[in-house]
Protein backbone atom coordinates (compact mmCIF):
# COMPACT_ATOMS: atom_id res chain seq x y z
CA MET A 1 237.05 52.17 -15.53
CA GLU A 2 239.63 49.63 -14.30
CA LEU A 3 237.84 46.77 -16.02
CA ARG A 4 237.59 48.68 -19.30
CA LYS A 5 241.33 49.34 -19.34
CA LYS A 6 242.13 45.68 -18.67
CA VAL A 7 239.87 44.49 -21.48
CA SER A 8 241.29 47.06 -23.88
CA ASN A 9 244.91 46.12 -23.06
CA LEU A 10 244.19 42.43 -23.50
CA LEU A 11 242.61 42.95 -26.90
CA ASP A 12 245.60 44.96 -28.09
CA ASN A 13 247.68 41.80 -27.65
CA VAL A 14 245.26 39.50 -29.44
CA LYS A 15 246.58 37.91 -32.62
CA PRO A 16 245.12 39.61 -35.67
CA ILE A 17 242.95 36.65 -36.61
CA ALA A 18 239.68 38.46 -36.01
CA LYS A 19 238.14 41.04 -38.26
CA PRO A 20 237.58 44.55 -36.87
CA SER A 21 233.88 43.79 -36.55
CA LEU A 22 234.69 40.71 -34.51
CA LYS A 23 236.97 42.76 -32.24
CA VAL A 24 234.14 45.18 -31.61
CA ALA A 25 231.85 42.28 -30.76
CA VAL A 26 234.37 40.81 -28.34
CA VAL A 27 234.86 44.11 -26.58
CA THR A 28 231.13 44.67 -26.31
CA THR A 29 230.34 41.12 -25.24
CA PHE A 30 232.91 41.08 -22.45
CA ALA A 31 232.00 44.57 -21.33
CA VAL A 32 228.40 43.61 -20.73
CA SER A 33 228.79 39.99 -19.65
CA PRO A 34 229.28 40.72 -15.92
CA PHE A 35 225.87 42.37 -15.96
CA LEU A 36 224.05 39.90 -18.20
CA PHE A 37 225.08 36.93 -16.06
CA SER A 38 224.94 38.68 -12.70
CA LYS A 39 222.39 37.42 -10.12
CA SER A 40 221.27 41.00 -9.52
CA SER A 41 218.50 42.63 -11.47
CA ILE A 42 220.09 45.72 -13.06
CA THR A 43 218.66 48.26 -15.46
CA LEU A 44 221.30 50.50 -16.96
CA ALA A 45 219.08 52.17 -19.54
CA ASN A 46 218.70 55.39 -17.62
CA ASP A 47 220.41 58.76 -17.17
CA SER A 48 223.15 57.48 -14.85
CA LYS A 49 226.66 57.02 -16.14
CA LEU A 50 227.08 53.88 -18.20
CA SER A 51 230.75 53.27 -17.49
CA MET A 52 230.55 49.77 -18.96
CA ALA A 53 229.22 51.17 -22.26
CA LYS A 54 232.31 53.33 -22.65
CA SER A 55 235.22 51.96 -24.66
CA ARG A 56 237.88 53.31 -26.88
CA PHE A 57 235.19 53.21 -29.57
CA GLY A 58 233.29 56.06 -27.86
CA VAL A 59 230.10 56.35 -25.84
CA ALA A 60 226.84 55.32 -27.47
CA SER A 61 223.79 57.50 -26.97
CA LYS A 62 220.59 55.86 -25.75
CA LYS A 63 218.75 57.02 -28.88
CA ASN A 64 221.14 55.09 -31.15
CA MET A 65 221.31 52.00 -28.97
CA ARG A 66 219.57 48.66 -29.24
CA ARG A 67 218.48 46.73 -26.17
CA ILE A 68 219.75 43.33 -25.17
CA THR A 69 217.79 41.56 -22.42
CA ASN A 70 218.77 38.60 -20.32
CA SER A 71 216.48 37.36 -17.51
CA ASN A 72 215.58 40.45 -15.46
CA SER A 73 218.46 42.58 -16.80
CA GLN A 74 218.48 44.94 -19.74
CA ILE A 75 221.24 46.92 -21.38
CA TYR A 76 221.58 49.08 -24.46
CA LEU A 77 224.31 48.76 -27.10
CA PRO A 78 225.04 50.94 -30.17
CA SER A 79 222.79 49.78 -32.99
CA LYS A 80 225.18 50.87 -35.76
CA LEU A 81 228.12 48.77 -34.61
CA ASN A 82 228.93 45.79 -36.80
CA THR A 83 228.60 43.12 -34.08
CA ALA A 84 228.26 39.39 -34.05
CA TYR A 85 227.32 37.04 -31.19
CA ILE A 86 230.09 34.60 -30.26
CA SER A 87 228.92 31.44 -28.51
CA GLU A 88 230.87 30.44 -25.42
CA LYS A 89 231.49 26.99 -26.94
CA VAL A 90 233.25 28.37 -30.07
CA HIS A 91 235.27 31.13 -28.41
CA PRO A 92 238.39 31.54 -30.59
CA PHE A 93 240.69 32.49 -27.71
CA PRO A 94 242.07 30.35 -24.90
CA ALA A 95 240.89 31.28 -21.40
CA ASN A 96 244.41 32.32 -20.35
CA HIS A 97 244.20 35.23 -22.77
CA PHE A 98 241.71 36.88 -20.32
CA PRO A 99 242.93 36.32 -16.75
CA SER A 100 241.40 39.59 -15.52
CA ILE A 101 237.92 38.57 -16.78
CA THR A 102 238.18 35.21 -15.05
CA ASN A 103 238.87 36.97 -11.76
CA PHE A 104 236.04 39.48 -12.14
CA ASN A 105 234.27 40.24 -8.86
CA SER A 106 230.60 41.26 -9.13
CA GLU A 107 230.99 43.26 -5.91
CA ASP A 108 233.05 45.77 -7.92
CA VAL A 109 229.81 46.87 -9.65
CA THR A 110 228.05 49.83 -8.03
CA LEU A 111 224.96 51.78 -8.97
CA ASN A 112 223.71 55.22 -8.08
CA ALA A 113 221.02 55.00 -5.40
CA SER A 114 219.37 57.08 -2.70
CA ALA A 115 220.29 56.31 0.90
CA ILE A 116 217.66 56.76 3.65
CA ILE A 117 219.66 57.99 6.64
CA ILE A 118 218.35 58.02 10.23
CA ASP A 119 220.46 59.17 13.18
CA GLY A 120 223.43 59.57 10.86
CA LYS A 121 223.33 55.95 9.65
CA PRO A 122 222.00 54.61 6.33
CA VAL A 123 219.28 52.06 7.07
CA ALA A 124 217.96 51.42 3.54
CA TYR A 125 218.84 52.08 -0.10
CA VAL A 126 216.32 52.60 -2.91
CA ARG A 127 216.86 53.25 -6.60
CA ASN A 128 216.61 57.05 -6.58
CA ARG A 129 215.39 60.10 -4.69
CA GLU A 130 211.88 59.78 -6.09
CA ALA A 131 211.64 56.25 -4.69
CA ALA A 132 212.94 57.46 -1.31
CA GLU A 133 210.24 60.14 -1.21
CA GLN A 134 207.66 57.45 -2.02
CA VAL A 135 208.95 55.45 0.97
CA VAL A 136 208.19 58.38 3.28
CA ARG A 137 204.76 58.86 1.68
CA LYS A 138 203.88 55.17 2.07
CA LEU A 139 205.06 55.27 5.69
CA GLU A 140 202.42 57.92 6.35
CA LEU A 141 199.74 56.04 4.38
CA ASN A 142 200.11 53.09 6.75
CA PHE A 143 198.32 55.17 9.40
CA VAL A 144 196.14 57.67 7.52
CA THR A 145 194.08 57.44 4.35
CA GLU A 146 195.04 59.00 1.03
CA ASN A 147 192.05 61.31 1.35
CA GLU A 148 193.12 62.49 4.83
CA LEU A 149 196.65 63.14 3.61
CA ASN A 150 195.46 65.07 0.56
CA LYS A 151 193.18 67.25 2.71
CA PHE A 152 196.05 67.88 5.11
CA ASP A 153 198.38 68.90 2.27
CA ALA A 154 195.70 71.25 0.92
CA MET A 155 195.19 72.74 4.37
CA LYS A 156 198.93 73.44 4.75
CA SER A 157 199.13 75.10 1.36
CA SER A 158 196.14 77.34 2.11
CA LEU A 159 197.64 78.43 5.47
CA MET A 160 194.35 78.08 7.32
CA ASP A 161 194.46 79.46 10.87
CA SER A 162 191.04 78.22 11.99
CA PHE A 163 188.74 75.31 11.26
CA SER A 164 185.03 74.89 10.94
CA PRO A 165 183.43 72.76 13.68
CA LEU A 166 183.51 69.02 13.03
CA LYS A 167 180.30 67.25 12.18
CA GLU A 168 179.16 64.17 14.06
CA ASN A 169 181.39 61.09 13.48
CA GLU A 170 183.88 63.22 11.56
CA SER A 171 187.64 63.46 12.09
CA ARG A 172 190.32 65.87 10.92
CA LEU A 173 194.07 65.35 10.52
CA LEU A 174 195.87 68.16 12.34
CA ASP A 175 199.46 67.03 11.84
CA ILE A 176 201.53 64.10 10.68
CA HIS A 177 205.28 63.81 11.10
CA LEU A 178 208.06 61.35 11.81
CA SER A 179 209.67 60.89 15.21
CA LYS A 180 213.14 61.28 13.69
CA ASN A 181 214.60 63.30 10.84
CA ILE A 182 215.16 61.34 7.64
CA VAL A 183 217.97 62.49 5.36
CA LEU A 184 218.01 61.41 1.70
CA GLN A 185 221.49 61.25 0.19
CA GLU A 186 222.94 59.95 -3.05
CA ALA A 187 225.19 56.90 -2.71
CA ASN A 188 226.98 54.33 -4.85
CA VAL A 189 226.18 50.82 -3.62
CA SER A 190 226.21 47.26 -4.93
CA PRO A 191 222.95 46.29 -6.68
CA ASP A 192 221.98 43.71 -4.04
CA LYS A 193 221.67 46.45 -1.39
CA ILE A 194 218.98 48.33 -3.33
CA MET A 195 215.54 47.24 -2.13
CA PRO A 196 211.99 47.72 -3.43
CA ILE A 197 209.94 50.56 -1.93
CA GLU A 198 207.62 48.16 -0.05
CA ASN A 199 210.56 46.37 1.59
CA ALA A 200 212.08 49.67 2.69
CA VAL A 201 208.77 50.75 4.27
CA ALA A 202 208.47 47.45 6.15
CA LEU A 203 212.07 47.71 7.39
CA LEU A 204 211.58 51.24 8.75
CA LEU A 205 208.39 50.22 10.56
CA LYS A 206 209.65 46.96 12.06
CA GLY A 207 213.32 47.72 12.59
CA ALA A 208 216.13 45.20 12.49
CA ASN A 209 214.97 43.30 15.61
CA GLN A 210 212.34 40.60 15.18
CA GLU A 211 209.44 39.80 17.49
CA ILE A 212 210.35 36.87 19.75
CA LYS A 213 207.73 34.43 21.05
CA TYR A 214 207.96 32.10 24.04
CA ARG A 215 206.16 28.74 24.05
CA VAL A 216 204.59 28.03 27.44
CA GLN A 217 205.90 24.92 29.19
CA GLU A 218 204.08 22.77 31.73
CA GLY A 219 204.04 24.52 35.12
CA ASP A 220 204.89 27.99 33.76
CA VAL A 221 203.41 31.12 35.36
CA LEU A 222 203.53 34.68 34.03
CA GLY A 223 205.75 36.05 36.81
CA ARG A 224 208.41 33.39 36.24
CA ILE A 225 208.36 33.85 32.44
CA ALA A 226 208.79 37.62 32.88
CA ASN A 227 211.65 37.21 35.37
CA ASN A 228 213.48 34.62 33.20
CA ASN A 229 213.42 37.03 30.25
CA GLY A 230 214.52 40.17 32.11
CA LEU A 231 211.05 41.70 32.21
CA LYS A 232 208.70 42.96 34.89
CA LEU A 233 205.24 41.42 34.95
CA ALA A 234 203.70 44.75 33.90
CA GLU A 235 206.04 44.88 30.88
CA LEU A 236 205.12 41.32 29.85
CA LEU A 237 201.41 42.12 30.11
CA LYS A 238 201.91 45.25 27.99
CA LEU A 239 203.49 43.09 25.27
CA ASN A 240 200.52 40.71 25.52
CA PRO A 241 197.35 42.82 25.99
CA GLN A 242 195.19 39.70 25.72
CA LEU A 243 196.58 38.48 29.08
CA THR A 244 195.91 39.55 32.69
CA GLU A 245 197.60 38.61 35.95
CA LYS A 246 194.92 35.96 36.48
CA SER A 247 195.13 34.44 32.98
CA LEU A 248 195.48 30.65 32.84
CA LEU A 249 198.45 29.52 30.75
CA MET A 250 198.32 26.35 28.69
CA PRO A 251 201.31 24.31 27.46
CA GLY A 252 202.11 25.21 23.87
CA GLN A 253 200.56 28.68 24.13
CA GLU A 254 202.76 31.40 22.61
CA ILE A 255 203.34 34.76 24.30
CA THR A 256 205.46 37.69 23.15
CA ILE A 257 208.60 38.42 25.17
CA THR A 258 210.18 41.05 22.87
CA GLU A 259 208.74 43.20 20.14
CA PRO A 260 210.38 44.85 17.11
CA GLU A 261 211.78 48.33 17.64
CA PRO A 262 211.01 50.47 14.58
CA TYR A 263 213.63 52.78 13.11
CA VAL A 264 211.06 55.57 13.06
CA GLU A 265 207.51 56.23 14.32
CA VAL A 266 204.80 57.97 12.33
CA ILE A 267 203.11 60.43 14.69
CA VAL A 268 199.54 61.41 13.81
CA GLU A 269 197.59 64.16 15.55
CA LYS A 270 193.84 64.12 15.00
CA GLU A 271 190.67 65.84 16.09
CA VAL A 272 187.72 63.45 16.38
CA SER A 273 184.00 64.13 16.95
CA GLN A 274 181.70 61.21 17.70
CA LYS A 275 178.65 59.98 19.57
CA GLU A 276 179.25 57.75 22.56
CA THR A 277 176.98 55.81 24.88
CA ILE A 278 176.88 56.54 28.59
CA PRO A 279 176.62 53.23 30.45
CA TYR A 280 173.82 52.93 32.96
CA SER A 281 174.45 52.08 36.61
CA GLU A 282 172.89 49.11 38.39
CA GLU A 283 171.30 49.02 41.82
CA VAL A 284 170.90 45.64 43.54
CA ILE A 285 168.21 45.13 46.17
CA ASN A 286 168.42 41.95 48.27
CA ASP A 287 165.14 40.08 48.78
CA PRO A 288 165.17 37.60 51.73
CA ASN A 289 162.12 35.86 50.31
CA LEU A 290 163.88 35.05 47.02
CA VAL A 291 166.23 32.03 46.93
CA LYS A 292 169.92 32.88 46.62
CA GLY A 293 170.98 32.54 43.00
CA GLU A 294 167.69 33.87 41.62
CA SER A 295 167.13 37.44 40.50
CA ARG A 296 164.74 39.63 38.54
CA VAL A 297 164.92 43.08 36.94
CA SER A 298 162.41 45.53 38.35
CA GLN A 299 163.56 48.47 36.22
CA GLN A 300 165.34 48.01 32.90
CA GLY A 301 168.44 50.13 32.45
CA LEU A 302 168.95 52.36 29.43
CA ALA A 303 172.26 53.79 28.21
CA GLY A 304 172.58 57.54 27.71
CA VAL A 305 174.07 59.31 24.69
CA GLU A 306 176.65 62.11 24.49
CA SER A 307 178.48 64.00 21.75
CA VAL A 308 182.21 64.22 22.44
CA SER A 309 185.32 65.65 20.77
CA TYR A 310 188.84 64.41 21.36
CA TYR A 311 192.35 65.50 20.53
CA GLU A 312 194.39 62.34 19.87
CA THR A 313 198.08 61.62 19.40
CA ILE A 314 198.79 58.29 17.72
CA GLU A 315 202.23 56.67 17.25
CA ASN A 316 202.48 53.89 14.68
CA GLY A 317 198.78 53.18 15.05
CA LYS A 318 198.68 53.17 18.88
CA THR A 319 196.93 55.95 20.77
CA VAL A 320 199.40 57.44 23.27
CA MET A 321 197.33 60.47 24.30
CA LYS A 322 193.60 61.20 24.18
CA GLU A 323 192.32 64.51 25.53
CA LEU A 324 188.60 65.29 25.85
CA THR A 325 187.97 68.76 24.44
CA LYS A 326 184.18 68.90 24.33
CA LYS A 327 181.21 66.95 25.73
CA VAL A 328 177.49 67.51 25.28
CA ILE A 329 175.01 65.09 26.90
CA LEU A 330 172.18 64.29 24.50
CA GLY A 331 170.35 61.81 26.72
CA GLN A 332 170.78 60.83 30.38
CA PRO A 333 171.16 57.13 31.26
CA ILE A 334 168.43 55.33 33.25
CA LYS A 335 169.50 53.19 36.21
CA GLN A 336 168.76 49.47 36.21
CA ILE A 337 167.28 48.00 39.40
CA VAL A 338 167.77 44.29 40.12
CA ILE A 339 166.05 42.28 42.87
CA LYS A 340 168.42 39.54 44.04
CA GLY A 341 167.56 36.60 46.28
CA SER A 342 169.39 36.25 49.61
CA LYS A 343 167.56 33.26 51.04
CA VAL A 344 170.09 30.44 51.57
CA ALA A 345 169.24 27.05 50.06
CA PRO A 346 172.23 24.78 50.84
CA SER A 347 171.45 22.40 48.00
CA ARG A 348 171.02 25.03 45.30
CA GLY A 349 173.89 26.54 43.35
CA GLU A 350 174.30 30.02 41.88
CA GLY A 351 175.38 28.92 38.37
CA ILE A 352 178.91 30.30 38.66
CA PHE A 353 181.60 27.83 39.68
CA ILE A 354 184.72 28.23 41.79
CA TRP A 355 187.98 26.59 40.69
CA PRO A 356 187.62 22.97 41.93
CA ALA A 357 191.29 22.52 42.88
CA ASP A 358 193.95 24.35 44.87
CA GLY A 359 195.77 26.11 42.04
CA GLY A 360 197.13 24.12 39.12
CA TYR A 361 196.81 24.78 35.42
CA ILE A 362 194.79 23.48 32.47
CA SER A 363 196.82 20.64 30.96
CA SER A 364 194.19 19.81 28.32
CA GLN A 365 191.33 21.87 26.92
CA MET A 366 187.85 20.73 25.98
CA GLY A 367 187.65 19.69 22.33
CA TYR A 368 188.67 16.97 19.90
CA ARG A 369 191.93 15.13 20.52
CA TRP A 370 193.23 11.77 19.33
CA GLY A 371 190.17 11.45 17.08
CA ARG A 372 187.49 11.81 19.78
CA LEU A 373 185.83 14.50 21.88
CA HIS A 374 187.46 15.41 25.19
CA LYS A 375 184.34 16.43 27.11
CA GLY A 376 185.89 18.69 29.73
CA ILE A 377 189.11 20.28 30.93
CA ASP A 378 192.01 18.61 32.74
CA ILE A 379 193.56 20.38 35.74
CA ALA A 380 197.04 19.27 36.82
CA ARG A 381 199.83 20.10 39.28
CA PRO A 382 197.83 21.85 42.05
CA SER A 383 199.44 22.93 45.30
CA ASP A 384 197.16 20.45 47.12
CA TYR A 385 195.39 17.37 45.75
CA THR A 386 192.07 18.13 47.52
CA ILE A 387 189.12 18.46 45.11
CA LYS A 388 186.30 20.87 46.04
CA ALA A 389 182.65 21.21 45.05
CA ALA A 390 182.41 23.95 42.44
CA ASP A 391 179.00 25.12 43.76
CA ASN A 392 176.26 24.13 46.20
CA GLY A 393 174.38 20.97 45.27
CA ILE A 394 173.43 17.36 45.93
CA VAL A 395 175.67 14.37 45.09
CA ILE A 396 173.79 12.13 42.63
CA SER A 397 176.64 9.77 41.74
CA ALA A 398 179.83 8.71 43.56
CA GLY A 399 181.87 5.66 42.59
CA TRP A 400 183.71 3.82 39.82
CA ASP A 401 182.71 4.56 36.21
CA GLY A 402 184.92 2.73 33.69
CA SER A 403 187.37 5.03 31.87
CA TYR A 404 186.48 7.88 34.25
CA GLY A 405 187.81 5.90 37.22
CA ASN A 406 186.47 7.19 40.52
CA LYS A 407 183.87 9.81 39.60
CA ILE A 408 181.51 12.21 41.41
CA VAL A 409 178.48 13.95 39.84
CA ILE A 410 176.84 16.91 41.64
CA ASP A 411 173.40 18.24 40.72
CA HIS A 412 173.27 21.95 41.60
CA GLN A 413 169.45 22.09 41.51
CA ASN A 414 169.45 24.94 38.97
CA GLY A 415 169.91 23.08 35.70
CA PHE A 416 173.65 22.60 36.15
CA GLN A 417 175.56 19.39 36.88
CA THR A 418 179.32 19.02 37.35
CA VAL A 419 181.51 15.92 36.95
CA TYR A 420 184.80 15.19 38.79
CA ALA A 421 186.79 12.19 37.45
CA HIS A 422 190.02 10.13 37.91
CA LEU A 423 189.89 10.65 41.70
CA SER A 424 192.14 8.55 43.89
CA SER A 425 189.50 8.60 46.65
CA ILE A 426 185.95 9.87 47.25
CA ARG A 427 184.81 11.65 50.45
CA VAL A 428 181.07 12.07 49.79
CA GLY A 429 178.11 9.77 49.17
CA VAL A 430 175.00 9.80 47.00
CA GLY A 431 172.25 12.07 48.39
CA GLU A 432 174.67 14.18 50.42
CA THR A 433 174.27 17.98 50.29
CA VAL A 434 177.56 19.78 49.63
CA GLN A 435 178.49 23.44 49.98
CA GLU A 436 180.55 25.41 47.49
CA GLY A 437 184.24 24.83 48.28
CA SER A 438 183.71 21.81 50.54
CA PRO A 439 186.14 18.86 50.00
CA ILE A 440 184.63 15.96 48.04
CA GLY A 441 187.65 13.85 47.03
CA ILE A 442 191.36 13.57 46.23
CA MET A 443 192.94 14.08 42.78
CA GLY A 444 194.33 10.90 41.24
CA GLU A 445 194.89 8.92 38.05
CA THR A 446 192.25 6.18 38.14
CA GLY A 447 190.57 4.96 34.95
CA ASP A 448 192.10 5.99 31.60
CA ALA A 449 194.49 8.67 32.89
CA THR A 450 198.07 9.44 31.85
CA GLY A 451 199.01 11.14 35.10
CA ILE A 452 197.57 12.68 38.25
CA HIS A 453 194.93 15.25 37.29
CA LEU A 454 191.24 16.19 37.63
CA HIS A 455 188.91 15.78 34.67
CA PHE A 456 186.10 18.37 35.10
CA GLU A 457 182.89 18.56 33.04
CA VAL A 458 179.88 20.92 33.11
CA TYR A 459 176.34 20.23 31.85
CA LYS A 460 173.49 22.75 31.61
CA ASN A 461 170.00 21.32 31.19
CA GLY A 462 171.63 18.07 30.06
CA ILE A 463 173.79 19.73 27.37
CA LEU A 464 177.60 19.57 27.59
CA LYS A 465 179.20 23.01 28.06
CA ASN A 466 182.76 24.33 28.12
CA PRO A 467 183.66 24.72 31.82
CA LEU A 468 185.68 27.87 31.07
CA GLN A 469 182.41 29.71 30.36
CA TYR A 470 181.33 29.36 33.99
CA LEU A 471 184.52 29.05 36.07
CA ARG A 472 185.83 31.96 38.10
CA ARG A 473 189.27 31.93 39.66
């Protein structure tokens, strides 16, 4: 309204050099120019008030208007007006004739929109109420299927008080709602605040806060990372379900230390019926005539089967409550019986290795680096530099070996061999029988080493294996 008055007053003072048709064109051109050259994508051809289309020449109806498009914008002008396009280069009036146009601020433009309000605060704006209702619908469809939602809507409309029993591997949506009330309210906002439906859905689910990752540094442990970021260890593990208290951290590894807090949760209540296996138990019988590390199955175990029904509550895709409502055993499990050797053979290993150092962390994984294969893992910064035999066995090599420096090889007499390299000193000799955990050398940096560490390799039947498959810690 203010802009229209300024333009009208300015044109009243223009010298009468332009024809009436030209005056109409000037009025129309300047009235629409803030929208045609705005960075925002605006569509004014709708039922909202077109304040910019009003002038002292009247208001044009959409039916009698022609459309002018520029980039992503479109606007309608009266088709019957005698208008002419005036190029900016041949504008007949000096710029000082239009000081108010020169000072035009695009922030003065507002459009009708629908505000999505949570806890009394607007958190997103979309183009209209229909779009806002689509946002809520799409929020729900992130966690249930269209078919489930349609069945639920039909169930509500039919006012069903009871349900037929679920069939096997069938589920039923009992309720779906939001954790907070959402209020939809009309608002006038600048065009750049109006967002697409998909963006509004993502914002409501993720919230304003972003997930923050921490990159593990050399020597880091989980407890220290948690403490430095104001967390308890249990909280850090909850943010990183792939980790446990005993997980080995590697430099460069990323772990989550904060997670987004959504503006609203979608709460789904379901009834689920499914078949589940019942795991079988295992009984171990020690046989003193069988060498330790060997075993055999005398009775094969077999899992049982049961039909179960659950009542589940799920928040934003995570199950927060699961209540067993029905269980029918369809087949009992059969116990597995294992005969395990207990006869001690000092030179024979069990095939599972202890950690060969006192603490420390993996400073380099097995795999390709610097254009060649790194055949094992590197363990650095232990609490003590003593290196231990990973399992029972016989020393088959002990001495200098080129780039490995001081190296020990132990044959565990069960197909496995382990290699310990870059030692500063060696405490065992070839042919010596070693017990699991006995000291065999001191960690060092001999050979091609860039610092004090243990290079540890594992071979099974002569084939190189990743040590992490067999190490326990």
